[in-house]
Amino acid sequence: TVLDVSPPALTRRGAAVRRAAELAVMTG
């Protein structure tokens, strides 16, 4: 299920972990 078609860059330390937490509550 596509959650985001324009996702933010994951360049900073910890960005991937924070992004995973955001995606966990996104419904599509």
mmCIF file of all heavy atoms, coordinates in Angstrom:
data_MODEL
# 
_entry.id   MODEL 
# 
loop_
_atom_site.group_PDB 
_atom_site.id 
_atom_site.type_symbol 
_atom_site.label_atom_id 
_atom_site.label_alt_id 
_atom_site.label_comp_id 
_atom_site.label_asym_id 
_atom_site.label_entity_id 
_atom_site.label_seq_id 
_atom_site.pdbx_PDB_ins_code 
_atom_site.Cartn_x 
_atom_site.Cartn_y 
_atom_site.Cartn_z 
_atom_site.occupancy 
_atom_site.B_iso_or_equiv 
_atom_site.pdbx_formal_charge 
_atom_site.auth_seq_id 
_atom_site.auth_comp_id 
_atom_site.auth_asym_id 
_atom_site.auth_atom_id 
_atom_site.pdbx_PDB_model_num 
ATOM 1   N N   . THR A 1 1  ? 0.862  -1.170 0.000  1.00 0.00 ? 1  THR A N   1 
ATOM 2   C CA  . THR A 1 1  ? 0.000  0.000  0.000  1.00 0.00 ? 1  THR A CA  1 
ATOM 3   C C   . THR A 1 1  ? 0.899  1.221  0.000  1.00 0.00 ? 1  THR A C   1 
ATOM 4   O O   . THR A 1 1  ? 1.785  1.343  0.851  1.00 0.00 ? 1  THR A O   1 
ATOM 5   C CB  . THR A 1 1  ? -0.910 0.023  1.242  1.00 0.00 ? 1  THR A CB  1 
ATOM 6   O OG1 . THR A 1 1  ? -1.777 -1.115 1.219  1.00 0.00 ? 1  THR A OG1 1 
ATOM 7   C CG2 . THR A 1 1  ? -1.755 1.292  1.266  1.00 0.00 ? 1  THR A CG2 1 
ATOM 8   N N   . VAL A 1 2  ? 0.683  2.105  -0.944 1.00 0.00 ? 2  VAL A N   1 
ATOM 9   C CA  . VAL A 1 2  ? 1.511  3.302  -1.047 1.00 0.00 ? 2  VAL A CA  1 
ATOM 10  C C   . VAL A 1 2  ? 1.102  4.277  0.060  1.00 0.00 ? 2  VAL A C   1 
ATOM 11  O O   . VAL A 1 2  ? -0.060 4.679  0.152  1.00 0.00 ? 2  VAL A O   1 
ATOM 12  C CB  . VAL A 1 2  ? 1.354  3.964  -2.428 1.00 0.00 ? 2  VAL A CB  1 
ATOM 13  C CG1 . VAL A 1 2  ? 2.155  5.258  -2.488 1.00 0.00 ? 2  VAL A CG1 1 
ATOM 14  C CG2 . VAL A 1 2  ? 1.818  3.013  -3.519 1.00 0.00 ? 2  VAL A CG2 1 
ATOM 15  N N   . LEU A 1 3  ? 2.068  4.648  0.903  1.00 0.00 ? 3  LEU A N   1 
ATOM 16  C CA  . LEU A 1 3  ? 1.825  5.577  2.011  1.00 0.00 ? 3  LEU A CA  1 
ATOM 17  C C   . LEU A 1 3  ? 2.246  6.995  1.679  1.00 0.00 ? 3  LEU A C   1 
ATOM 18  O O   . LEU A 1 3  ? 1.651  7.957  2.164  1.00 0.00 ? 3  LEU A O   1 
ATOM 19  C CB  . LEU A 1 3  ? 2.575  5.109  3.268  1.00 0.00 ? 3  LEU A CB  1 
ATOM 20  C CG  . LEU A 1 3  ? 2.237  3.714  3.786  1.00 0.00 ? 3  LEU A CG  1 
ATOM 21  C CD1 . LEU A 1 3  ? 3.102  3.381  4.997  1.00 0.00 ? 3  LEU A CD1 1 
ATOM 22  C CD2 . LEU A 1 3  ? 0.764  3.607  4.145  1.00 0.00 ? 3  LEU A CD2 1 
ATOM 23  N N   . ASP A 1 4  ? 3.294  7.148  0.873  1.00 0.00 ? 4  ASP A N   1 
ATOM 24  C CA  . ASP A 1 4  ? 3.817  8.486  0.581  1.00 0.00 ? 4  ASP A CA  1 
ATOM 25  C C   . ASP A 1 4  ? 4.508  8.459  -0.776 1.00 0.00 ? 4  ASP A C   1 
ATOM 26  O O   . ASP A 1 4  ? 5.383  7.618  -1.008 1.00 0.00 ? 4  ASP A O   1 
ATOM 27  C CB  . ASP A 1 4  ? 4.814  8.915  1.667  1.00 0.00 ? 4  ASP A CB  1 
ATOM 28  C CG  . ASP A 1 4  ? 5.100  10.408 1.659  1.00 0.00 ? 4  ASP A CG  1 
ATOM 29  O OD1 . ASP A 1 4  ? 4.871  11.055 0.623  1.00 0.00 ? 4  ASP A OD1 1 
ATOM 30  O OD2 . ASP A 1 4  ? 5.564  10.936 2.688  1.00 0.00 ? 4  ASP A OD2 1 
ATOM 31  N N   . VAL A 1 5  ? 4.109  9.375  -1.667 1.00 0.00 ? 5  VAL A N   1 
ATOM 32  C CA  . VAL A 1 5  ? 4.720  9.447  -2.992 1.00 0.00 ? 5  VAL A CA  1 
ATOM 33  C C   . VAL A 1 5  ? 5.728  10.588 -3.089 1.00 0.00 ? 5  VAL A C   1 
ATOM 34  O O   . VAL A 1 5  ? 6.319  10.816 -4.136 1.00 0.00 ? 5  VAL A O   1 
ATOM 35  C CB  . VAL A 1 5  ? 3.650  9.591  -4.097 1.00 0.00 ? 5  VAL A CB  1 
ATOM 36  C CG1 . VAL A 1 5  ? 2.792  8.347  -4.182 1.00 0.00 ? 5  VAL A CG1 1 
ATOM 37  C CG2 . VAL A 1 5  ? 2.785  10.827 -3.860 1.00 0.00 ? 5  VAL A CG2 1 
ATOM 38  N N   . SER A 1 6  ? 5.930  11.299 -1.995 1.00 0.00 ? 6  SER A N   1 
ATOM 39  C CA  . SER A 1 6  ? 6.932  12.370 -1.946 1.00 0.00 ? 6  SER A CA  1 
ATOM 40  C C   . SER A 1 6  ? 7.573  12.374 -0.562 1.00 0.00 ? 6  SER A C   1 
ATOM 41  O O   . SER A 1 6  ? 7.414  13.322 0.213  1.00 0.00 ? 6  SER A O   1 
ATOM 42  C CB  . SER A 1 6  ? 6.287  13.727 -2.257 1.00 0.00 ? 6  SER A CB  1 
ATOM 43  O OG  . SER A 1 6  ? 7.262  14.747 -2.257 1.00 0.00 ? 6  SER A OG  1 
ATOM 44  N N   . PRO A 1 7  ? 8.292  11.301 -0.235 1.00 0.00 ? 7  PRO A N   1 
ATOM 45  C CA  . PRO A 1 7  ? 8.809  11.155 1.127  1.00 0.00 ? 7  PRO A CA  1 
ATOM 46  C C   . PRO A 1 7  ? 10.019 12.047 1.386  1.00 0.00 ? 7  PRO A C   1 
ATOM 47  O O   . PRO A 1 7  ? 10.725 12.443 0.456  1.00 0.00 ? 7  PRO A O   1 
ATOM 48  C CB  . PRO A 1 7  ? 9.195  9.673  1.196  1.00 0.00 ? 7  PRO A CB  1 
ATOM 49  C CG  . PRO A 1 7  ? 9.541  9.313  -0.209 1.00 0.00 ? 7  PRO A CG  1 
ATOM 50  C CD  . PRO A 1 7  ? 8.623  10.132 -1.074 1.00 0.00 ? 7  PRO A CD  1 
ATOM 51  N N   . PRO A 1 8  ? 10.290 12.342 2.658  1.00 0.00 ? 8  PRO A N   1 
ATOM 52  C CA  . PRO A 1 8  ? 11.439 13.191 2.995  1.00 0.00 ? 8  PRO A CA  1 
ATOM 53  C C   . PRO A 1 8  ? 12.751 12.435 2.853  1.00 0.00 ? 8  PRO A C   1 
ATOM 54  O O   . PRO A 1 8  ? 12.790 11.196 2.921  1.00 0.00 ? 8  PRO A O   1 
ATOM 55  C CB  . PRO A 1 8  ? 11.180 13.561 4.456  1.00 0.00 ? 8  PRO A CB  1 
ATOM 56  C CG  . PRO A 1 8  ? 10.380 12.407 4.993  1.00 0.00 ? 8  PRO A CG  1 
ATOM 57  C CD  . PRO A 1 8  ? 9.516  11.956 3.848  1.00 0.00 ? 8  PRO A CD  1 
ATOM 58  N N   . ALA A 1 9  ? 13.832 13.177 2.638  1.00 0.00 ? 9  ALA A N   1 
ATOM 59  C CA  . ALA A 1 9  ? 15.162 12.564 2.572  1.00 0.00 ? 9  ALA A CA  1 
ATOM 60  C C   . ALA A 1 9  ? 15.538 12.003 3.942  1.00 0.00 ? 9  ALA A C   1 
ATOM 61  O O   . ALA A 1 9  ? 15.126 12.527 4.983  1.00 0.00 ? 9  ALA A O   1 
ATOM 62  C CB  . ALA A 1 9  ? 16.186 13.601 2.122  1.00 0.00 ? 9  ALA A CB  1 
ATOM 63  N N   . LEU A 1 10 ? 16.320 10.937 3.940  1.00 0.00 ? 10 LEU A N   1 
ATOM 64  C CA  . LEU A 1 10 ? 16.769 10.300 5.186  1.00 0.00 ? 10 LEU A CA  1 
ATOM 65  C C   . LEU A 1 10 ? 18.280 10.454 5.295  1.00 0.00 ? 10 LEU A C   1 
ATOM 66  O O   . LEU A 1 10 ? 19.030 9.480  5.222  1.00 0.00 ? 10 LEU A O   1 
ATOM 67  C CB  . LEU A 1 10 ? 16.361 8.825  5.211  1.00 0.00 ? 10 LEU A CB  1 
ATOM 68  C CG  . LEU A 1 10 ? 14.863 8.543  5.056  1.00 0.00 ? 10 LEU A CG  1 
ATOM 69  C CD1 . LEU A 1 10 ? 14.603 7.049  5.033  1.00 0.00 ? 10 LEU A CD1 1 
ATOM 70  C CD2 . LEU A 1 10 ? 14.063 9.221  6.161  1.00 0.00 ? 10 LEU A CD2 1 
ATOM 71  N N   . THR A 1 11 ? 18.728 11.681 5.446  1.00 0.00 ? 11 THR A N   1 
ATOM 72  C CA  . THR A 1 11 ? 20.163 11.957 5.418  1.00 0.00 ? 11 THR A CA  1 
ATOM 73  C C   . THR A 1 11 ? 20.754 12.180 6.807  1.00 0.00 ? 11 THR A C   1 
ATOM 74  O O   . THR A 1 11 ? 21.939 11.963 7.017  1.00 0.00 ? 11 THR A O   1 
ATOM 75  C CB  . THR A 1 11 ? 20.448 13.187 4.545  1.00 0.00 ? 11 THR A CB  1 
ATOM 76  O OG1 . THR A 1 11 ? 19.640 14.277 4.993  1.00 0.00 ? 11 THR A OG1 1 
ATOM 77  C CG2 . THR A 1 11 ? 20.110 12.889 3.088  1.00 0.00 ? 11 THR A CG2 1 
ATOM 78  N N   . ARG A 1 12 ? 19.930 12.636 7.746  1.00 0.00 ? 12 ARG A N   1 
ATOM 79  C CA  . ARG A 1 12 ? 20.460 12.931 9.072  1.00 0.00 ? 12 ARG A CA  1 
ATOM 80  C C   . ARG A 1 12 ? 20.449 11.693 9.956  1.00 0.00 ? 12 ARG A C   1 
ATOM 81  O O   . ARG A 1 12 ? 19.680 10.766 9.732  1.00 0.00 ? 12 ARG A O   1 
ATOM 82  C CB  . ARG A 1 12 ? 19.649 14.046 9.729  1.00 0.00 ? 12 ARG A CB  1 
ATOM 83  C CG  . ARG A 1 12 ? 19.757 15.382 9.000  1.00 0.00 ? 12 ARG A CG  1 
ATOM 84  C CD  . ARG A 1 12 ? 19.044 16.470 9.764  1.00 0.00 ? 12 ARG A CD  1 
ATOM 85  N NE  . ARG A 1 12 ? 19.196 17.758 9.124  1.00 0.00 ? 12 ARG A NE  1 
ATOM 86  C CZ  . ARG A 1 12 ? 18.686 18.891 9.593  1.00 0.00 ? 12 ARG A CZ  1 
ATOM 87  N NH1 . ARG A 1 12 ? 17.992 18.883 10.728 1.00 0.00 ? 12 ARG A NH1 1 
ATOM 88  N NH2 . ARG A 1 12 ? 18.875 20.024 8.942  1.00 0.00 ? 12 ARG A NH2 1 
ATOM 89  N N   . ARG A 1 13 ? 21.317 11.710 10.959 1.00 0.00 ? 13 ARG A N   1 
ATOM 90  C CA  . ARG A 1 13 ? 21.377 10.593 11.900 1.00 0.00 ? 13 ARG A CA  1 
ATOM 91  C C   . ARG A 1 13 ? 20.020 10.406 12.581 1.00 0.00 ? 13 ARG A C   1 
ATOM 92  O O   . ARG A 1 13 ? 19.425 11.361 13.086 1.00 0.00 ? 13 ARG A O   1 
ATOM 93  C CB  . ARG A 1 13 ? 22.453 10.855 12.951 1.00 0.00 ? 13 ARG A CB  1 
ATOM 94  C CG  . ARG A 1 13 ? 22.645 9.699  13.939 1.00 0.00 ? 13 ARG A CG  1 
ATOM 95  C CD  . ARG A 1 13 ? 23.635 10.095 15.015 1.00 0.00 ? 13 ARG A CD  1 
ATOM 96  N NE  . ARG A 1 13 ? 24.964 10.330 14.451 1.00 0.00 ? 13 ARG A NE  1 
ATOM 97  C CZ  . ARG A 1 13 ? 25.877 9.367  14.279 1.00 0.00 ? 13 ARG A CZ  1 
ATOM 98  N NH1 . ARG A 1 13 ? 25.584 8.124  14.603 1.00 0.00 ? 13 ARG A NH1 1 
ATOM 99  N NH2 . ARG A 1 13 ? 27.058 9.658  13.771 1.00 0.00 ? 13 ARG A NH2 1 
ATOM 100 N N   . GLY A 1 14 ? 19.540 9.187  12.596 1.00 0.00 ? 14 GLY A N   1 
ATOM 101 C CA  . GLY A 1 14 ? 18.273 8.876  13.243 1.00 0.00 ? 14 GLY A CA  1 
ATOM 102 C C   . GLY A 1 14 ? 17.046 9.141  12.395 1.00 0.00 ? 14 GLY A C   1 
ATOM 103 O O   . GLY A 1 14 ? 15.923 8.879  12.828 1.00 0.00 ? 14 GLY A O   1 
ATOM 104 N N   . ALA A 1 15 ? 17.244 9.656  11.156 1.00 0.00 ? 15 ALA A N   1 
ATOM 105 C CA  . ALA A 1 15 ? 16.090 9.995  10.318 1.00 0.00 ? 15 ALA A CA  1 
ATOM 106 C C   . ALA A 1 15 ? 15.279 8.758  9.944  1.00 0.00 ? 15 ALA A C   1 
ATOM 107 O O   . ALA A 1 15 ? 14.046 8.801  9.902  1.00 0.00 ? 15 ALA A O   1 
ATOM 108 C CB  . ALA A 1 15 ? 16.553 10.729 9.063  1.00 0.00 ? 15 ALA A CB  1 
ATOM 109 N N   . ALA A 1 16 ? 15.951 7.648  9.664  1.00 0.00 ? 16 ALA A N   1 
ATOM 110 C CA  . ALA A 1 16 ? 15.241 6.424  9.270  1.00 0.00 ? 16 ALA A CA  1 
ATOM 111 C C   . ALA A 1 16 ? 14.381 5.890  10.406 1.00 0.00 ? 16 ALA A C   1 
ATOM 112 O O   . ALA A 1 16 ? 13.249 5.423  10.180 1.00 0.00 ? 16 ALA A O   1 
ATOM 113 C CB  . ALA A 1 16 ? 16.238 5.371  8.811  1.00 0.00 ? 16 ALA A CB  1 
ATOM 114 N N   . VAL A 1 17 ? 14.894 5.973  11.627 1.00 0.00 ? 17 VAL A N   1 
ATOM 115 C CA  . VAL A 1 17 ? 14.127 5.496  12.784 1.00 0.00 ? 17 VAL A CA  1 
ATOM 116 C C   . VAL A 1 17 ? 12.887 6.365  12.988 1.00 0.00 ? 17 VAL A C   1 
ATOM 117 O O   . VAL A 1 17 ? 11.784 5.863  13.233 1.00 0.00 ? 17 VAL A O   1 
ATOM 118 C CB  . VAL A 1 17 ? 15.008 5.494  14.052 1.00 0.00 ? 17 VAL A CB  1 
ATOM 119 C CG1 . VAL A 1 17 ? 14.172 5.150  15.285 1.00 0.00 ? 17 VAL A CG1 1 
ATOM 120 C CG2 . VAL A 1 17 ? 16.153 4.513  13.897 1.00 0.00 ? 17 VAL A CG2 1 
ATOM 121 N N   . ARG A 1 18 ? 13.073 7.678  12.881 1.00 0.00 ? 18 ARG A N   1 
ATOM 122 C CA  . ARG A 1 18 ? 11.929 8.583  13.036 1.00 0.00 ? 18 ARG A CA  1 
ATOM 123 C C   . ARG A 1 18 ? 10.902 8.360  11.925 1.00 0.00 ? 18 ARG A C   1 
ATOM 124 O O   . ARG A 1 18 ? 9.689  8.404  12.159 1.00 0.00 ? 18 ARG A O   1 
ATOM 125 C CB  . ARG A 1 18 ? 12.407 10.032 13.039 1.00 0.00 ? 18 ARG A CB  1 
ATOM 126 C CG  . ARG A 1 18 ? 13.203 10.419 14.284 1.00 0.00 ? 18 ARG A CG  1 
ATOM 127 C CD  . ARG A 1 18 ? 13.430 11.909 14.351 1.00 0.00 ? 18 ARG A CD  1 
ATOM 128 N NE  . ARG A 1 18 ? 14.286 12.384 13.264 1.00 0.00 ? 18 ARG A NE  1 
ATOM 129 C CZ  . ARG A 1 18 ? 15.620 12.413 13.324 1.00 0.00 ? 18 ARG A CZ  1 
ATOM 130 N NH1 . ARG A 1 18 ? 16.248 11.989 14.416 1.00 0.00 ? 18 ARG A NH1 1 
ATOM 131 N NH2 . ARG A 1 18 ? 16.324 12.875 12.312 1.00 0.00 ? 18 ARG A NH2 1 
ATOM 132 N N   . ARG A 1 19 ? 11.399 8.125  10.729 1.00 0.00 ? 19 ARG A N   1 
ATOM 133 C CA  . ARG A 1 19 ? 10.496 7.892  9.605  1.00 0.00 ? 19 ARG A CA  1 
ATOM 134 C C   . ARG A 1 19 ? 9.703  6.600  9.796  1.00 0.00 ? 19 ARG A C   1 
ATOM 135 O O   . ARG A 1 19 ? 8.511  6.539  9.486  1.00 0.00 ? 19 ARG A O   1 
ATOM 136 C CB  . ARG A 1 19 ? 11.278 7.843  8.300  1.00 0.00 ? 19 ARG A CB  1 
ATOM 137 C CG  . ARG A 1 19 ? 10.419 7.681  7.050  1.00 0.00 ? 19 ARG A CG  1 
ATOM 138 C CD  . ARG A 1 19 ? 9.410  8.804  6.919  1.00 0.00 ? 19 ARG A CD  1 
ATOM 139 N NE  . ARG A 1 19 ? 8.653  8.716  5.681  1.00 0.00 ? 19 ARG A NE  1 
ATOM 140 C CZ  . ARG A 1 19 ? 7.566  9.423  5.417  1.00 0.00 ? 19 ARG A CZ  1 
ATOM 141 N NH1 . ARG A 1 19 ? 7.086  10.262 6.313  1.00 0.00 ? 19 ARG A NH1 1 
ATOM 142 N NH2 . ARG A 1 19 ? 6.938  9.287  4.258  1.00 0.00 ? 19 ARG A NH2 1 
ATOM 143 N N   . ALA A 1 20 ? 10.335 5.565  10.298 1.00 0.00 ? 20 ALA A N   1 
ATOM 144 C CA  . ALA A 1 20 ? 9.642  4.299  10.562 1.00 0.00 ? 20 ALA A CA  1 
ATOM 145 C C   . ALA A 1 20 ? 8.503  4.510  11.548 1.00 0.00 ? 20 ALA A C   1 
ATOM 146 O O   . ALA A 1 20 ? 7.412  3.933  11.396 1.00 0.00 ? 20 ALA A O   1 
ATOM 147 C CB  . ALA A 1 20 ? 10.626 3.259  11.080 1.00 0.00 ? 20 ALA A CB  1 
ATOM 148 N N   . ALA A 1 21 ? 8.739  5.350  12.572 1.00 0.00 ? 21 ALA A N   1 
ATOM 149 C CA  . ALA A 1 21 ? 7.689  5.638  13.546 1.00 0.00 ? 21 ALA A CA  1 
ATOM 150 C C   . ALA A 1 21 ? 6.531  6.387  12.901 1.00 0.00 ? 21 ALA A C   1 
ATOM 151 O O   . ALA A 1 21 ? 5.357  6.131  13.206 1.00 0.00 ? 21 ALA A O   1 
ATOM 152 C CB  . ALA A 1 21 ? 8.268  6.444  14.704 1.00 0.00 ? 21 ALA A CB  1 
ATOM 153 N N   . GLU A 1 22 ? 6.840  7.315  11.984 1.00 0.00 ? 22 GLU A N   1 
ATOM 154 C CA  . GLU A 1 22 ? 5.778  8.027  11.276 1.00 0.00 ? 22 GLU A CA  1 
ATOM 155 C C   . GLU A 1 22 ? 4.958  7.071  10.411 1.00 0.00 ? 22 GLU A C   1 
ATOM 156 O O   . GLU A 1 22 ? 3.726  7.118  10.401 1.00 0.00 ? 22 GLU A O   1 
ATOM 157 C CB  . GLU A 1 22 ? 6.373  9.119  10.389 1.00 0.00 ? 22 GLU A CB  1 
ATOM 158 C CG  . GLU A 1 22 ? 6.940  10.307 11.124 1.00 0.00 ? 22 GLU A CG  1 
ATOM 159 C CD  . GLU A 1 22 ? 7.550  11.334 10.181 1.00 0.00 ? 22 GLU A CD  1 
ATOM 160 O OE1 . GLU A 1 22 ? 7.779  10.994 8.997  1.00 0.00 ? 22 GLU A OE1 1 
ATOM 161 O OE2 . GLU A 1 22 ? 7.800  12.458 10.629 1.00 0.00 ? 22 GLU A OE2 1 
ATOM 162 N N   . LEU A 1 23 ? 5.651  6.211  9.674  1.00 0.00 ? 23 LEU A N   1 
ATOM 163 C CA  . LEU A 1 23 ? 4.957  5.290  8.764  1.00 0.00 ? 23 LEU A CA  1 
ATOM 164 C C   . LEU A 1 23 ? 4.093  4.295  9.523  1.00 0.00 ? 23 LEU A C   1 
ATOM 165 O O   . LEU A 1 23 ? 3.073  3.822  8.998  1.00 0.00 ? 23 LEU A O   1 
ATOM 166 C CB  . LEU A 1 23 ? 5.972  4.550  7.900  1.00 0.00 ? 23 LEU A CB  1 
ATOM 167 C CG  . LEU A 1 23 ? 6.769  5.402  6.911  1.00 0.00 ? 23 LEU A CG  1 
ATOM 168 C CD1 . LEU A 1 23 ? 7.824  4.549  6.209  1.00 0.00 ? 23 LEU A CD1 1 
ATOM 169 C CD2 . LEU A 1 23 ? 5.857  6.052  5.878  1.00 0.00 ? 23 LEU A CD2 1 
ATOM 170 N N   . ALA A 1 24 ? 4.483  3.959  10.747 1.00 0.00 ? 24 ALA A N   1 
ATOM 171 C CA  . ALA A 1 24 ? 3.748  2.964  11.520 1.00 0.00 ? 24 ALA A CA  1 
ATOM 172 C C   . ALA A 1 24 ? 2.306  3.386  11.769 1.00 0.00 ? 24 ALA A C   1 
ATOM 173 O O   . ALA A 1 24 ? 1.419  2.532  11.910 1.00 0.00 ? 24 ALA A O   1 
ATOM 174 C CB  . ALA A 1 24 ? 4.459  2.707  12.846 1.00 0.00 ? 24 ALA A CB  1 
ATOM 175 N N   . VAL A 1 25 ? 2.043  4.687  11.819 1.00 0.00 ? 25 VAL A N   1 
ATOM 176 C CA  . VAL A 1 25 ? 0.683  5.159  12.104 1.00 0.00 ? 25 VAL A CA  1 
ATOM 177 C C   . VAL A 1 25 ? -0.024 5.669  10.850 1.00 0.00 ? 25 VAL A C   1 
ATOM 178 O O   . VAL A 1 25 ? -1.170 6.109  10.928 1.00 0.00 ? 25 VAL A O   1 
ATOM 179 C CB  . VAL A 1 25 ? 0.706  6.266  13.181 1.00 0.00 ? 25 VAL A CB  1 
ATOM 180 C CG1 . VAL A 1 25 ? 1.254  5.723  14.488 1.00 0.00 ? 25 VAL A CG1 1 
ATOM 181 C CG2 . VAL A 1 25 ? 1.532  7.465  12.725 1.00 0.00 ? 25 VAL A CG2 1 
ATOM 182 N N   . MET A 1 26 ? 0.634  5.621  9.701  1.00 0.00 ? 26 MET A N   1 
ATOM 183 C CA  . MET A 1 26 ? -0.007 6.052  8.459  1.00 0.00 ? 26 MET A CA  1 
ATOM 184 C C   . MET A 1 26 ? -0.859 4.924  7.898  1.00 0.00 ? 26 MET A C   1 
ATOM 185 O O   . MET A 1 26 ? -0.457 3.758  7.918  1.00 0.00 ? 26 MET A O   1 
ATOM 186 C CB  . MET A 1 26 ? 1.051  6.512  7.451  1.00 0.00 ? 26 MET A CB  1 
ATOM 187 C CG  . MET A 1 26 ? 1.761  7.788  7.886  1.00 0.00 ? 26 MET A CG  1 
ATOM 188 S SD  . MET A 1 26 ? 3.229  8.232  6.914  1.00 0.00 ? 26 MET A SD  1 
ATOM 189 C CE  . MET A 1 26 ? 2.492  8.647  5.341  1.00 0.00 ? 26 MET A CE  1 
ATOM 190 N N   . THR A 1 27 ? -2.039 5.275  7.418  1.00 0.00 ? 27 THR A N   1 
ATOM 191 C CA  . THR A 1 27 ? -3.014 4.261  7.016  1.00 0.00 ? 27 THR A CA  1 
ATOM 192 C C   . THR A 1 27 ? -3.045 3.989  5.518  1.00 0.00 ? 27 THR A C   1 
ATOM 193 O O   . THR A 1 27 ? -3.619 2.992  5.093  1.00 0.00 ? 27 THR A O   1 
ATOM 194 C CB  . THR A 1 27 ? -4.421 4.700  7.452  1.00 0.00 ? 27 THR A CB  1 
ATOM 195 O OG1 . THR A 1 27 ? -4.751 5.917  6.757  1.00 0.00 ? 27 THR A OG1 1 
ATOM 196 C CG2 . THR A 1 27 ? -4.475 4.948  8.956  1.00 0.00 ? 27 THR A CG2 1 
ATOM 197 N N   . GLY A 1 28 ? -2.489 4.894  4.721  1.00 0.00 ? 28 GLY A N   1 
ATOM 198 C CA  . GLY A 1 28 ? -2.634 4.752  3.280  1.00 0.00 ? 28 GLY A CA  1 
ATOM 199 C C   . GLY A 1 28 ? -3.928 5.340  2.775  1.00 0.00 ? 28 GLY A C   1 
ATOM 200 O O   . GLY A 1 28 ? -4.252 5.218  1.584  1.00 0.00 ? 28 GLY A O   1 
# 
